[in-house]
C-alpha atoms as a PDB file:
ATOM      1  CA  MET A   1      12.147  14.526  19.684  1.00  0.00           C
ATOM      2  CA  SER A   2      14.965  12.974  17.663  1.00  0.00           C
ATOM      3  CA  GLY A   3      18.449  14.383  18.097  1.00  0.00           C
ATOM      4  CA  LEU A   4      18.444  15.125  14.402  1.00  0.00           C
ATOM      5  CA  GLU A   5      15.468  17.442  14.721  1.00  0.00           C
ATOM      6  CA  PRO A   6      16.203  21.028  15.840  1.00  0.00           C
ATOM      7  CA  ARG A   7      14.133  22.566  18.569  1.00  0.00           C
ATOM      8  CA  GLU A   8      11.358  24.835  17.457  1.00  0.00           C
ATOM      9  CA  LYS A   9      12.147  28.510  17.519  1.00  0.00           C
ATOM     10  CA  PRO A  10       9.591  31.247  17.914  1.00  0.00           C
ATOM     11  CA  ARG A  11       8.828  32.157  14.338  1.00  0.00           C
ATOM     12  CA  ALA A  12       5.817  33.206  12.360  1.00  0.00           C
ATOM     13  CA  LYS A  13       2.605  31.841  13.754  1.00  0.00           C
ATOM     14  CA  ARG A  14       0.906  29.094  11.836  1.00  0.00           C
ATOM     15  CA  GLY A  15      -1.737  30.401   9.557  1.00  0.00           C
ATOM     16  CA  ALA A  16      -2.109  31.523   5.994  1.00  0.00           C
ATOM     17  CA  PRO A  17       1.246  31.476   4.174  1.00  0.00           C
ATOM     18  CA  ARG A  18       2.679  34.548   2.550  1.00  0.00           C
ATOM     19  CA  SER A  19       1.345  35.400  -0.862  1.00  0.00           C
ATOM     20  CA  GLY A  20       2.871  33.443  -3.739  1.00  0.00           C
ATOM     21  CA  LYS A  21       3.714  29.783  -4.176  1.00  0.00           C
ATOM     22  CA  PRO A  22       4.433  27.969  -0.880  1.00  0.00           C
ATOM     23  CA  THR A  23       8.030  26.778  -0.544  1.00  0.00           C
ATOM     24  CA  LEU A  24      10.094  24.774   1.922  1.00  0.00           C
ATOM     25  CA  ARG A  25      10.953  28.062   3.603  1.00  0.00           C
ATOM     26  CA  THR A  26       7.237  28.768   4.052  1.00  0.00           C
ATOM     27  CA  ILE A  27       6.803  25.514   5.967  1.00  0.00           C
ATOM     28  CA  ALA A  28       9.997  26.146   7.938  1.00  0.00           C
ATOM     29  CA  GLU A  29       8.703  29.526   9.086  1.00  0.00           C
ATOM     30  CA  MET A  30       5.395  27.983  10.097  1.00  0.00           C
ATOM     31  CA  THR A  31       6.950  25.128  12.079  1.00  0.00           C
ATOM     32  CA  GLY A  32      10.228  26.518  13.376  1.00  0.00           C
ATOM     33  CA  LEU A  33      12.073  23.572  11.818  1.00  0.00           C
ATOM     34  CA  ALA A  34      15.130  23.820   9.594  1.00  0.00           C
ATOM     35  CA  ILE A  35      14.599  23.674   5.838  1.00  0.00           C
ATOM     36  CA  THR A  36      16.692  20.502   5.630  1.00  0.00           C
ATOM     37  CA  THR A  37      14.436  18.876   8.233  1.00  0.00           C
ATOM     38  CA  ILE A  38      11.359  19.926   6.267  1.00  0.00           C
ATOM     39  CA  SER A  39      12.818  18.383   3.122  1.00  0.00           C
ATOM     40  CA  ARG A  40      13.628  15.114   4.893  1.00  0.00           C
ATOM     41  CA  ALA A  41      10.176  14.992   6.490  1.00  0.00           C
ATOM     42  CA  LEU A  42       8.464  15.416   3.132  1.00  0.00           C
ATOM     43  CA  ASN A  43      10.600  12.557   1.818  1.00  0.00           C
ATOM     44  CA  ASN A  44       9.681  10.299   4.768  1.00  0.00           C
ATOM     45  CA  ALA A  45      13.250  10.154   6.091  1.00  0.00           C
ATOM     46  CA  PRO A  46      13.268   7.287   8.638  1.00  0.00           C
ATOM     47  CA  GLU A  47      15.649   9.107  10.994  1.00  0.00           C
ATOM     48  CA  LEU A  48      12.912  11.632  11.816  1.00  0.00           C
ATOM     49  CA  SER A  49      10.145  10.843  14.246  1.00  0.00           C
ATOM     50  CA  SER A  50       6.780   9.878  12.754  1.00  0.00           C
ATOM     51  CA  GLU A  51       5.250  12.822  14.639  1.00  0.00           C
ATOM     52  CA  THR A  52       7.521  15.293  12.852  1.00  0.00           C
ATOM     53  CA  ARG A  53       6.949  13.714   9.441  1.00  0.00           C
ATOM     54  CA  GLU A  54       3.181  13.680   9.855  1.00  0.00           C
ATOM     55  CA  ARG A  55       3.103  17.267  11.147  1.00  0.00           C
ATOM     56  CA  VAL A  56       5.183  18.630   8.288  1.00  0.00           C
ATOM     57  CA  GLN A  57       3.259  16.674   5.640  1.00  0.00           C
ATOM     58  CA  LYS A  58      -0.064  17.819   7.056  1.00  0.00           C
ATOM     59  CA  ILE A  59       0.968  21.483   6.928  1.00  0.00           C
ATOM     60  CA  ALA A  60       2.353  21.048   3.409  1.00  0.00           C
ATOM     61  CA  ALA A  61      -0.985  19.616   2.265  1.00  0.00           C
ATOM     62  CA  GLU A  62      -2.959  22.381   3.981  1.00  0.00           C
ATOM     63  CA  ILE A  63      -1.054  25.211   2.320  1.00  0.00           C
ATOM     64  CA  GLY A  64      -0.881  23.493  -1.088  1.00  0.00           C
ATOM     65  CA  TYR A  65       2.876  22.983  -1.205  1.00  0.00           C
ATOM     66  CA  VAL A  66       4.047  21.329  -4.443  1.00  0.00           C
ATOM     67  CA  PRO A  67       7.746  20.509  -5.013  1.00  0.00           C
ATOM     68  CA  ASP A  68       9.525  22.428  -7.746  1.00  0.00           C
ATOM     69  CA  ARG A  69      10.323  19.547 -10.059  1.00  0.00           C
ATOM     70  CA  THR A  70      12.767  21.550 -12.159  1.00  0.00           C
ATOM     71  CA  ALA A  71      14.767  22.662  -9.127  1.00  0.00           C
ATOM     72  CA  LEU A  72      14.678  19.152  -7.696  1.00  0.00           C
ATOM     73  CA  ARG A  73      15.996  17.677 -10.944  1.00  0.00           C
ATOM     74  CA  LEU A  74      18.827  20.224 -11.107  1.00  0.00           C
ATOM     75  CA  LYS A  75      19.791  19.568  -7.486  1.00  0.00           C
ATOM     76  CA  THR A  76      19.439  15.786  -7.225  1.00  0.00           C
ATOM     77  CA  GLY A  77      19.051  14.494 -10.785  1.00  0.00           C
ATOM     78  CA  ARG A  78      15.666  13.107  -9.737  1.00  0.00           C
ATOM     79  CA  THR A  79      12.156  14.318 -10.515  1.00  0.00           C
ATOM     80  CA  HIS A  80      10.229  12.002  -8.151  1.00  0.00           C
ATOM     81  CA  VAL A  81       7.875  11.447 -11.085  1.00  0.00           C
ATOM     82  CA  VAL A  82       6.957   8.161 -12.746  1.00  0.00           C
ATOM     83  CA  SER A  83       5.347   8.201 -16.188  1.00  0.00           C
ATOM     84  CA  LEU A  84       2.584   5.708 -16.945  1.00  0.00           C
ATOM     85  CA  ILE A  85       2.209   5.346 -20.703  1.00  0.00           C
ATOM     86  CA  LEU A  86      -1.333   4.263 -21.493  1.00  0.00           C
ATOM     87  CA  ASP A  87      -2.055   2.556 -24.789  1.00  0.00           C
ATOM     88  CA  PRO A  88      -5.788   2.979 -25.506  1.00  0.00           C
ATOM     89  CA  HIS A  89      -7.555  -0.325 -25.968  1.00  0.00           C
ATOM     90  CA  ASP A  90     -11.014  -1.604 -25.208  1.00  0.00           C
ATOM     91  CA  GLU A  91     -10.687  -5.288 -24.381  1.00  0.00           C
ATOM     92  CA  ILE A  92     -10.434  -4.624 -20.643  1.00  0.00           C
ATOM     93  CA  LEU A  93     -13.084  -2.600 -18.849  1.00  0.00           C
ATOM     94  CA  ASN A  94     -11.685  -0.130 -16.296  1.00  0.00           C
ATOM     95  CA  PHE A  95      -8.113  -1.230 -17.070  1.00  0.00           C
ATOM     96  CA  SER A  96      -6.614   2.249 -16.784  1.00  0.00           C
ATOM     97  CA  GLN A  97      -8.546   3.164 -13.646  1.00  0.00           C
ATOM     98  CA  SER A  98      -7.579  -0.076 -11.895  1.00  0.00           C
ATOM     99  CA  LEU A  99      -3.936   0.174 -12.939  1.00  0.00           C
ATOM    100  CA  VAL A 100      -3.643   3.776 -11.766  1.00  0.00           C
ATOM    101  CA  ALA A 101      -5.264   2.913  -8.427  1.00  0.00           C
ATOM    102  CA  GLY A 102      -2.742   0.137  -7.875  1.00  0.00           C
ATOM    103  CA  ILE A 103       0.309   2.183  -8.837  1.00  0.00           C
ATOM    104  CA  THR A 104      -0.658   5.181  -6.707  1.00  0.00           C
ATOM    105  CA  SER A 105      -1.191   2.896  -3.720  1.00  0.00           C
ATOM    106  CA  ALA A 106       2.421   1.724  -4.138  1.00  0.00           C
ATOM    107  CA  PHE A 107       3.631   5.342  -4.153  1.00  0.00           C
ATOM    108  CA  ARG A 108       1.688   6.313  -1.042  1.00  0.00           C
ATOM    109  CA  GLY A 109       4.113   7.441   1.651  1.00  0.00           C
ATOM    110  CA  THR A 110       6.914   8.043  -0.869  1.00  0.00           C
ATOM    111  CA  PRO A 111       7.935  11.266  -2.637  1.00  0.00           C
ATOM    112  CA  TYR A 112       6.896   9.804  -5.989  1.00  0.00           C
ATOM    113  CA  HIS A 113       3.968  10.978  -8.096  1.00  0.00           C
ATOM    114  CA  LEU A 114       2.353   9.430 -11.142  1.00  0.00           C
ATOM    115  CA  VAL A 115       1.989  11.294 -14.421  1.00  0.00           C
ATOM    116  CA  ILE A 116      -0.029   9.745 -17.249  1.00  0.00           C
ATOM    117  CA  THR A 117       1.424   9.986 -20.741  1.00  0.00           C
ATOM    118  CA  PRO A 118      -1.082   8.897 -23.408  1.00  0.00           C
ATOM    119  CA  GLY A 119       0.008   6.727 -26.288  1.00  0.00           C
ATOM    120  CA  PHE A 120      -2.186   8.032 -29.083  1.00  0.00           C
ATOM    121  CA  GLN A 121      -3.448   5.786 -31.852  1.00  0.00           C
ATOM    122  CA  GLY A 122      -1.424   6.330 -34.998  1.00  0.00           C
ATOM    123  CA  ASN A 123       1.774   7.163 -33.127  1.00  0.00           C
ATOM    124  CA  THR A 124       4.583   4.654 -32.810  1.00  0.00           C
ATOM    125  CA  PRO A 125       5.025   3.052 -29.354  1.00  0.00           C
ATOM    126  CA  LEU A 126       8.490   4.628 -29.129  1.00  0.00           C
ATOM    127  CA  GLU A 127       7.236   8.234 -29.314  1.00  0.00           C
ATOM    128  CA  PRO A 128       6.136   8.618 -25.671  1.00  0.00           C
ATOM    129  CA  ILE A 129       9.261   6.775 -24.483  1.00  0.00           C
ATOM    130  CA  ASN A 130      11.504   9.121 -26.484  1.00  0.00           C
ATOM    131  CA  TYR A 131       9.599  12.112 -25.122  1.00  0.00           C
ATOM    132  CA  VAL A 132      10.248  11.058 -21.531  1.00  0.00           C
ATOM    133  CA  LEU A 133      13.922  10.263 -22.189  1.00  0.00           C
ATOM    134  CA  GLN A 134      14.744  13.377 -24.180  1.00  0.00           C
ATOM    135  CA  ASN A 135      13.006  15.778 -21.810  1.00  0.00           C
ATOM    136  CA  LYS A 136      14.009  13.973 -18.601  1.00  0.00           C
ATOM    137  CA  MET A 137      10.390  14.040 -17.530  1.00  0.00           C
ATOM    138  CA  ALA A 138      10.496  11.152 -15.066  1.00  0.00           C
ATOM    139  CA  ASP A 139      12.665   8.837 -13.011  1.00  0.00           C
ATOM    140  CA  GLY A 140      10.925   5.742 -14.342  1.00  0.00           C
ATOM    141  CA  VAL A 141       8.405   4.497 -16.892  1.00  0.00           C
ATOM    142  CA  ILE A 142       5.547   1.998 -16.758  1.00  0.00           C
ATOM    143  CA  PHE A 143       3.860   0.571 -19.845  1.00  0.00           C
ATOM    144  CA  SER A 144       1.882  -2.469 -21.008  1.00  0.00           C
ATOM    145  CA  ARG A 145       1.112  -4.599 -24.076  1.00  0.00           C
ATOM    146  CA  THR A 146       4.636  -5.864 -24.625  1.00  0.00           C
ATOM    147  CA  GLU A 147       5.913  -7.523 -27.779  1.00  0.00           C
ATOM    148  CA  PRO A 148       8.374 -10.437 -27.964  1.00  0.00           C
ATOM    149  CA  HIS A 149      11.159  -8.132 -29.176  1.00  0.00           C
ATOM    150  CA  ASP A 150       9.755  -4.903 -27.788  1.00  0.00           C
ATOM    151  CA  ALA A 151      11.540  -1.812 -29.135  1.00  0.00           C
ATOM    152  CA  ARG A 152      10.581   0.172 -26.018  1.00  0.00           C
ATOM    153  CA  VAL A 153      12.280  -2.342 -23.752  1.00  0.00           C
ATOM    154  CA  LYS A 154      15.398  -2.343 -25.942  1.00  0.00           C
ATOM    155  CA  LEU A 155      15.619   1.464 -25.922  1.00  0.00           C
ATOM    156  CA  LEU A 156      15.167   1.766 -22.166  1.00  0.00           C
ATOM    157  CA  LEU A 157      17.718  -0.979 -21.497  1.00  0.00           C
ATOM    158  CA  GLU A 158      20.214   0.721 -23.800  1.00  0.00           C
ATOM    159  CA  ASN A 159      19.763   3.971 -21.855  1.00  0.00           C
ATOM    160  CA  ASP A 160      19.858   2.190 -18.475  1.00  0.00           C
ATOM    161  CA  PHE A 161      16.584   3.945 -17.652  1.00  0.00           C
ATOM    162  CA  PRO A 162      14.383   2.429 -14.908  1.00  0.00           C
ATOM    163  CA  PHE A 163      11.129   0.915 -16.155  1.00  0.00           C
ATOM    164  CA  ILE A 164       8.719  -1.912 -15.618  1.00  0.00           C
ATOM    165  CA  CYS A 165       6.217  -3.352 -18.054  1.00  0.00           C
ATOM    166  CA  HIS A 166       3.002  -5.301 -17.770  1.00  0.00           C
ATOM    167  CA  GLY A 167       4.005  -8.310 -19.822  1.00  0.00           C
ATOM    168  CA  ARG A 168       7.121 -10.241 -20.786  1.00  0.00           C
ATOM    169  CA  THR A 169       9.361 -10.238 -23.829  1.00  0.00           C
ATOM    170  CA  GLU A 170      11.683 -12.788 -25.431  1.00  0.00           C
ATOM    171  CA  LEU A 171      14.748 -10.566 -25.144  1.00  0.00           C
ATOM    172  CA  ALA A 172      17.896 -12.149 -23.759  1.00  0.00           C
ATOM    173  CA  THR A 173      18.623  -9.213 -21.436  1.00  0.00           C
ATOM    174  CA  PRO A 174      16.608  -9.444 -18.202  1.00  0.00           C
ATOM    175  CA  HIS A 175      14.162  -6.641 -17.508  1.00  0.00           C
ATOM    176  CA  PRO A 176      11.606  -5.912 -14.772  1.00  0.00           C
ATOM    177  CA  TYR A 177       8.032  -6.990 -15.401  1.00  0.00           C
ATOM    178  CA  VAL A 178       4.754  -8.033 -13.847  1.00  0.00           C
ATOM    179  CA  ASP A 179       2.764 -10.403 -16.023  1.00  0.00           C
ATOM    180  CA  TYR A 180      -0.368 -12.516 -15.811  1.00  0.00           C
ATOM    181  CA  ASP A 181      -0.002 -16.168 -16.784  1.00  0.00           C
ATOM    182  CA  ASN A 182      -2.225 -16.115 -19.854  1.00  0.00           C
ATOM    183  CA  PHE A 183      -1.093 -19.613 -20.828  1.00  0.00           C
ATOM    184  CA  ALA A 184      -2.473 -20.953 -17.529  1.00  0.00           C
ATOM    185  CA  PHE A 185      -5.709 -18.980 -18.020  1.00  0.00           C
ATOM    186  CA  ALA A 186      -6.363 -20.307 -21.535  1.00  0.00           C
ATOM    187  CA  TYR A 187      -5.338 -23.840 -20.590  1.00  0.00           C
ATOM    188  CA  ALA A 188      -7.681 -23.915 -17.579  1.00  0.00           C
ATOM    189  CA  ALA A 189     -10.538 -22.355 -19.568  1.00  0.00           C
ATOM    190  CA  VAL A 190     -10.392 -25.019 -22.291  1.00  0.00           C
ATOM    191  CA  LYS A 191     -10.147 -27.771 -19.691  1.00  0.00           C
ATOM    192  CA  ARG A 192     -13.247 -26.377 -18.005  1.00  0.00           C
ATOM    193  CA  LEU A 193     -15.213 -26.269 -21.269  1.00  0.00           C
ATOM    194  CA  HIS A 194     -14.190 -29.819 -22.114  1.00  0.00           C
ATOM    195  CA  ALA A 195     -15.321 -30.966 -18.656  1.00  0.00           C
ATOM    196  CA  LYS A 196     -18.726 -29.475 -19.467  1.00  0.00           C
ATOM    197  CA  GLY A 197     -18.950 -31.735 -22.504  1.00  0.00           C
ATOM    198  CA  ARG A 198     -18.097 -29.141 -25.138  1.00  0.00           C
ATOM    199  CA  LYS A 199     -16.503 -30.332 -28.381  1.00  0.00           C
ATOM    200  CA  HIS A 200     -15.348 -27.224 -30.267  1.00  0.00           C
ATOM    201  CA  VAL A 201     -13.762 -24.148 -28.702  1.00  0.00           C
ATOM    202  CA  SER A 202     -13.080 -20.739 -30.241  1.00  0.00           C
ATOM    203  CA  MET A 203     -11.065 -17.778 -29.028  1.00  0.00           C
ATOM    204  CA  ILE A 204     -10.698 -14.209 -30.265  1.00  0.00           C
ATOM    205  CA  THR A 205      -7.031 -13.408 -29.709  1.00  0.00           C
ATOM    206  CA  PRO A 206      -4.999 -10.205 -29.391  1.00  0.00           C
ATOM    207  CA  PRO A 207      -3.092  -9.064 -32.484  1.00  0.00           C
ATOM    208  CA  PRO A 208      -0.259 -11.566 -33.016  1.00  0.00           C
ATOM    209  CA  ARG A 209       2.479  -8.981 -32.408  1.00  0.00           C
ATOM    210  CA  PHE A 210       1.796  -9.023 -28.659  1.00  0.00           C
ATOM    211  CA  SER A 211       3.503 -11.498 -26.335  1.00  0.00           C
ATOM    212  CA  PHE A 212       0.312 -12.463 -24.547  1.00  0.00           C
ATOM    213  CA  ALA A 213      -1.289 -13.462 -27.862  1.00  0.00           C
ATOM    214  CA  ARG A 214       1.213 -16.304 -28.150  1.00  0.00           C
ATOM    215  CA  HIS A 215       0.740 -17.293 -24.504  1.00  0.00           C
ATOM    216  CA  LEU A 216      -3.034 -17.517 -24.970  1.00  0.00           C
ATOM    217  CA  ARG A 217      -2.786 -19.542 -28.172  1.00  0.00           C
ATOM    218  CA  ASP A 218      -0.260 -21.931 -26.626  1.00  0.00           C
ATOM    219  CA  GLY A 219      -2.560 -22.492 -23.648  1.00  0.00           C
ATOM    220  CA  VAL A 220      -5.522 -23.350 -25.880  1.00  0.00           C
ATOM    221  CA  MET A 221      -3.483 -25.705 -28.052  1.00  0.00           C
ATOM    222  CA  GLN A 222      -1.892 -27.501 -25.105  1.00  0.00           C
ATOM    223  CA  ALA A 223      -5.289 -28.176 -23.512  1.00  0.00           C
ATOM    224  CA  ALA A 224      -6.685 -29.247 -26.891  1.00  0.00           C
ATOM    225  CA  ARG A 225      -3.871 -31.768 -27.353  1.00  0.00           C
ATOM    226  CA  GLU A 226      -4.590 -33.244 -23.932  1.00  0.00           C
ATOM    227  CA  THR A 227      -8.396 -33.388 -24.246  1.00  0.00           C
ATOM    228  CA  GLY A 228      -8.972 -33.893 -27.957  1.00  0.00           C
ATOM    229  CA  ILE A 229     -11.325 -30.900 -28.153  1.00  0.00           C
ATOM    230  CA  ALA A 230     -11.397 -29.129 -31.537  1.00  0.00           C
ATOM    231  CA  TYR A 231     -10.251 -25.503 -31.528  1.00  0.00           C
ATOM    232  CA  GLU A 232     -10.094 -22.448 -33.750  1.00  0.00           C
ATOM    233  CA  PHE A 233      -8.884 -18.865 -33.512  1.00  0.00           C
ATOM    234  CA  GLU A 234     -11.229 -16.253 -34.977  1.00  0.00           C
ATOM    235  CA  THR A 235      -9.641 -14.600 -38.018  1.00  0.00           C
ATOM    236  CA  ARG A 236     -12.198 -11.872 -38.756  1.00  0.00           C
ATOM    237  CA  VAL A 237     -11.415  -9.780 -35.697  1.00  0.00           C
ATOM    238  CA  THR A 238      -8.937  -9.424 -32.820  1.00  0.00           C
ATOM    239  CA  LEU A 239      -9.195  -8.125 -29.281  1.00  0.00           C
ATOM    240  CA  ASP A 240      -8.361  -4.653 -30.615  1.00  0.00           C
ATOM    241  CA  ASP A 241     -11.497  -4.458 -32.751  1.00  0.00           C
ATOM    242  CA  SER A 242     -14.653  -2.782 -31.526  1.00  0.00           C
ATOM    243  CA  ALA A 243     -17.245  -4.662 -29.501  1.00  0.00           C
ATOM    244  CA  GLU A 244     -19.710  -4.274 -32.378  1.00  0.00           C
ATOM    245  CA  ALA A 245     -17.259  -5.806 -34.855  1.00  0.00           C
ATOM    246  CA  ILE A 246     -16.694  -8.739 -32.498  1.00  0.00           C
ATOM    247  CA  ARG A 247     -20.443  -9.241 -32.058  1.00  0.00           C
ATOM    248  CA  GLU A 248     -20.959  -9.232 -35.819  1.00  0.00           C
ATOM    249  CA  ALA A 249     -18.087 -11.684 -36.349  1.00  0.00           C
ATOM    250  CA  THR A 250     -19.599 -14.048 -33.772  1.00  0.00           C
ATOM    251  CA  VAL A 251     -22.987 -13.942 -35.504  1.00  0.00           C
ATOM    252  CA  ALA A 252     -21.343 -14.523 -38.900  1.00  0.00           C
ATOM    253  CA  ARG A 253     -19.324 -17.488 -37.627  1.00  0.00           C
ATOM    254  CA  ILE A 254     -22.408 -19.194 -36.173  1.00  0.00           C
ATOM    255  CA  ALA A 255     -24.268 -18.643 -39.446  1.00  0.00           C
ATOM    256  CA  GLN A 256     -21.506 -20.498 -41.323  1.00  0.00           C
ATOM    257  CA  GLY A 257     -22.468 -23.775 -39.712  1.00  0.00           C
ATOM    258  CA  LYS A 258     -20.438 -26.246 -37.647  1.00  0.00           C
ATOM    259  CA  ALA A 259     -20.127 -23.412 -35.160  1.00  0.00           C
ATOM    260  CA  PRO A 260     -18.135 -23.636 -31.906  1.00  0.00           C
ATOM    261  CA  ASP A 261     -20.040 -24.632 -28.803  1.00  0.00           C
ATOM    262  CA  ALA A 262     -17.427 -23.160 -26.460  1.00  0.00           C
ATOM    263  CA  TYR A 263     -15.736 -19.765 -26.252  1.00  0.00           C
ATOM    264  CA  VAL A 264     -12.653 -18.583 -24.344  1.00  0.00           C
ATOM    265  CA  CYS A 265     -12.670 -14.793 -23.939  1.00  0.00           C
ATOM    266  CA  PRO A 266      -9.455 -13.047 -22.824  1.00  0.00           C
ATOM    267  CA  GLY A 267     -11.178  -9.842 -21.692  1.00  0.00           C
ATOM    268  CA  ASP A 268     -14.392  -8.349 -20.323  1.00  0.00           C
ATOM    269  CA  ALA A 269     -15.451  -6.346 -23.361  1.00  0.00           C
ATOM    270  CA  VAL A 270     -14.821  -9.149 -25.843  1.00  0.00           C
ATOM    271  CA  ALA A 271     -16.836 -11.551 -23.663  1.00  0.00           C
ATOM    272  CA  LEU A 272     -19.823  -9.209 -23.585  1.00  0.00           C
ATOM    273  CA  ALA A 273     -19.627  -8.871 -27.380  1.00  0.00           C
ATOM    274  CA  VAL A 274     -19.397 -12.648 -27.890  1.00  0.00           C
ATOM    275  CA  ILE A 275     -22.319 -13.257 -25.536  1.00  0.00           C
ATOM    276  CA  ALA A 276     -24.371 -10.693 -27.461  1.00  0.00           C
ATOM    277  CA  GLY A 277     -23.414 -12.365 -30.746  1.00  0.00           C
ATOM    278  CA  ILE A 278     -24.454 -15.789 -29.481  1.00  0.00           C
ATOM    279  CA  ALA A 279     -27.835 -14.403 -28.394  1.00  0.00           C
ATOM    280  CA  ASP A 280     -28.339 -12.493 -31.646  1.00  0.00           C
ATOM    281  CA  ALA A 281     -27.659 -15.705 -33.580  1.00  0.00           C
ATOM    282  CA  GLY A 282     -30.542 -17.317 -31.733  1.00  0.00           C
ATOM    283  CA  LYS A 283     -28.390 -19.471 -29.478  1.00  0.00           C
ATOM    284  CA  THR A 284     -28.501 -19.790 -25.695  1.00  0.00           C
ATOM    285  CA  ILE A 285     -25.639 -19.757 -23.202  1.00  0.00           C
ATOM    286  CA  GLY A 286     -25.664 -22.954 -21.172  1.00  0.00           C
ATOM    287  CA  SER A 287     -27.475 -25.100 -23.729  1.00  0.00           C
ATOM    288  CA  ASP A 288     -26.051 -24.270 -27.154  1.00  0.00           C
ATOM    289  CA  ALA A 289     -22.706 -22.922 -25.968  1.00  0.00           C
ATOM    290  CA  ASP A 290     -20.662 -22.114 -22.885  1.00  0.00           C
ATOM    291  CA  VAL A 291     -18.264 -19.257 -22.224  1.00  0.00           C
ATOM    292  CA  VAL A 292     -15.247 -18.921 -19.948  1.00  0.00           C
ATOM    293  CA  THR A 293     -13.908 -15.396 -19.677  1.00  0.00           C
ATOM    294  CA  LYS A 294     -11.099 -13.552 -18.016  1.00  0.00           C
ATOM    295  CA  GLN A 295     -12.617 -10.966 -15.673  1.00  0.00           C
ATOM    296  CA  MET A 296     -11.051  -7.720 -14.459  1.00  0.00           C
ATOM    297  CA  SER A 297     -14.059  -5.503 -13.783  1.00  0.00           C
ATOM    298  CA  GLY A 298     -16.414  -7.648 -11.695  1.00  0.00           C
ATOM    299  CA  ILE A 299     -19.207  -7.028 -14.190  1.00  0.00           C
ATOM    300  CA  PHE A 300     -19.949 -10.707 -14.769  1.00  0.00           C
ATOM    301  CA  SER A 301     -21.546 -11.096 -11.365  1.00  0.00           C
ATOM    302  CA  LEU A 302     -24.415  -9.149 -12.986  1.00  0.00           C
ATOM    303  CA  VAL A 303     -24.561 -11.023 -16.304  1.00  0.00           C
ATOM    304  CA  ARG A 304     -27.330 -13.578 -16.883  1.00  0.00           C
ATOM    305  CA  PRO A 305     -27.117 -16.367 -17.674  1.00  0.00           C
ATOM    306  CA  LYS A 306     -23.960 -16.650 -15.613  1.00  0.00           C
ATOM    307  CA  VAL A 307     -20.687 -17.576 -17.272  1.00  0.00           C
ATOM    308  CA  ASP A 308     -17.529 -19.012 -15.748  1.00  0.00           C
ATOM    309  CA  VAL A 309     -14.858 -16.443 -14.934  1.00  0.00           C
ATOM    310  CA  ILE A 310     -11.169 -16.454 -14.058  1.00  0.00           C
ATOM    311  CA  THR A 311     -10.108 -13.195 -12.457  1.00  0.00           C
ATOM    312  CA  GLU A 312      -7.087 -11.038 -13.225  1.00  0.00           C
ATOM    313  CA  ASP A 313      -6.505  -8.392 -10.539  1.00  0.00           C
ATOM    314  CA  ILE A 314      -5.273  -5.307 -12.407  1.00  0.00           C
ATOM    315  CA  THR A 315      -5.179  -3.182  -9.239  1.00  0.00           C
ATOM    316  CA  LEU A 316      -2.846  -5.717  -7.639  1.00  0.00           C
ATOM    317  CA  ALA A 317      -0.695  -5.761 -10.764  1.00  0.00           C
ATOM    318  CA  GLY A 318      -0.462  -1.970 -10.637  1.00  0.00           C
ATOM    319  CA  ARG A 319       0.637  -2.011  -7.012  1.00  0.00           C
ATOM    320  CA  GLN A 320       3.235  -4.687  -7.708  1.00  0.00           C
ATOM    321  CA  MET A 321       4.558  -2.763 -10.709  1.00  0.00           C
ATOM    322  CA  GLY A 322       4.855   0.405  -8.660  1.00  0.00           C
ATOM    323  CA  GLU A 323       6.702  -1.369  -5.858  1.00  0.00           C
ATOM    324  CA  LEU A 324       9.124  -3.122  -8.207  1.00  0.00           C
ATOM    325  CA  LEU A 325       9.822   0.075 -10.153  1.00  0.00           C
ATOM    326  CA  LEU A 326      10.734   1.930  -6.964  1.00  0.00           C
ATOM    327  CA  ARG A 327      13.177  -0.854  -6.162  1.00  0.00           C
ATOM    328  CA  ARG A 328      14.641  -0.595  -9.652  1.00  0.00           C
ATOM    329  CA  ILE A 329      15.064   3.173  -9.292  1.00  0.00           C
ATOM    330  CA  LYS A 330      17.037   2.457  -6.120  1.00  0.00           C
ATOM    331  CA  GLY A 331      19.387   0.229  -8.120  1.00  0.00           C
ATOM    332  CA  GLU A 332      18.159  -3.339  -7.656  1.00  0.00           C
ATOM    333  CA  LYS A 333      18.974  -5.801 -10.436  1.00  0.00           C
ATOM    334  CA  PRO A 334      16.303  -6.308 -13.135  1.00  0.00           C
ATOM    335  CA  GLU A 335      16.428 -10.096 -12.817  1.00  0.00           C
ATOM    336  CA  ASP A 336      15.276  -9.744  -9.195  1.00  0.00           C
ATOM    337  CA  LEU A 337      12.247  -7.665 -10.234  1.00  0.00           C
ATOM    338  CA  GLN A 338      10.163 -10.121 -12.257  1.00  0.00           C
ATOM    339  CA  LEU A 339       6.761 -11.381 -11.164  1.00  0.00           C
ATOM    340  CA  LEU A 340       4.354 -13.770 -12.898  1.00  0.00           C
ATOM    341  CA  GLN A 341       0.828 -13.785 -11.488  1.00  0.00           C
ATOM    342  CA  VAL A 342      -0.664 -17.275 -11.419  1.00  0.00           C
ATOM    343  CA  PRO A 343      -4.455 -17.192 -11.884  1.00  0.00           C
ATOM    344  CA  GLU A 344      -6.676 -18.650  -9.192  1.00  0.00           C
ATOM    345  CA  ILE A 345      -8.831 -21.265 -10.894  1.00  0.00           C
ATOM    346  CA  PRO A 346     -12.265 -21.476  -9.189  1.00  0.00           C
ATOM    347  CA  PHE A 347     -13.474 -24.592 -10.992  1.00  0.00           C
END
């Protein structure tokens, strides 16, 4: 037993806690340990033995102990809560589930918990950020779908509030981020389609206000300059439109004539809609057109005919974001907390 851990004293036998909400004192009475030791054990203090930490955490879980966030905030200024602000969008299947799984894996073994704050359609992106700041609801914020001059990033930087975003900005002040290299994805996808003998590539892009929309477009255009392949960006719809609207737009574009024979799809749902549109227009994948899509869900292993995929690991991104945010909360510099994921190209 560590010298920092008091000897057990004969106290109440372990069993059902007293009526009411379990507290640190409840666990102390059940273990014979001091309240301060219980608190340190629940916070994974390294000076305590692993046996003590595991024992205390097991008992806390068994009796349903939940920290009093209000009391904790008043005492330490911390809530041990991180707010994930989810912006509803459909272009990525299982995006939220994968992101949450990754973030919570980063928080495992720490005192931090994840709370999801929805960003409702029709509200401004700043509303959930202001809610967290004004009510001191969390120690840090995670969000996605950044813009080149993102107002959320500006506000959080001005308030020196810890955050990390999925995506980069063009702001001069460094900020923490994890991003996927969408330029490299689009560039490699066009190169692949050209290698297959395709002459005319199309891509449905995100709304132009998002940073990754520019990265995708730049990747397509750079590859087009190098290969000579013709390219276009669909103007009827964006990634934020429904799958049905994207399918209809694909059918309409093919009916116009001089249709693309190659498609780059920046998300699972848009790829499924484009593939459906190609089929509904009477065309066949592999003969009339080819598709390269970004994959996050794994669904394309079940799609026939098969299409080429480049994977983006959202669960990994979530874990990396969680780890970097915890480092930021501890005071590390933002410029040391930036990560760009380079896609693995299977071709």
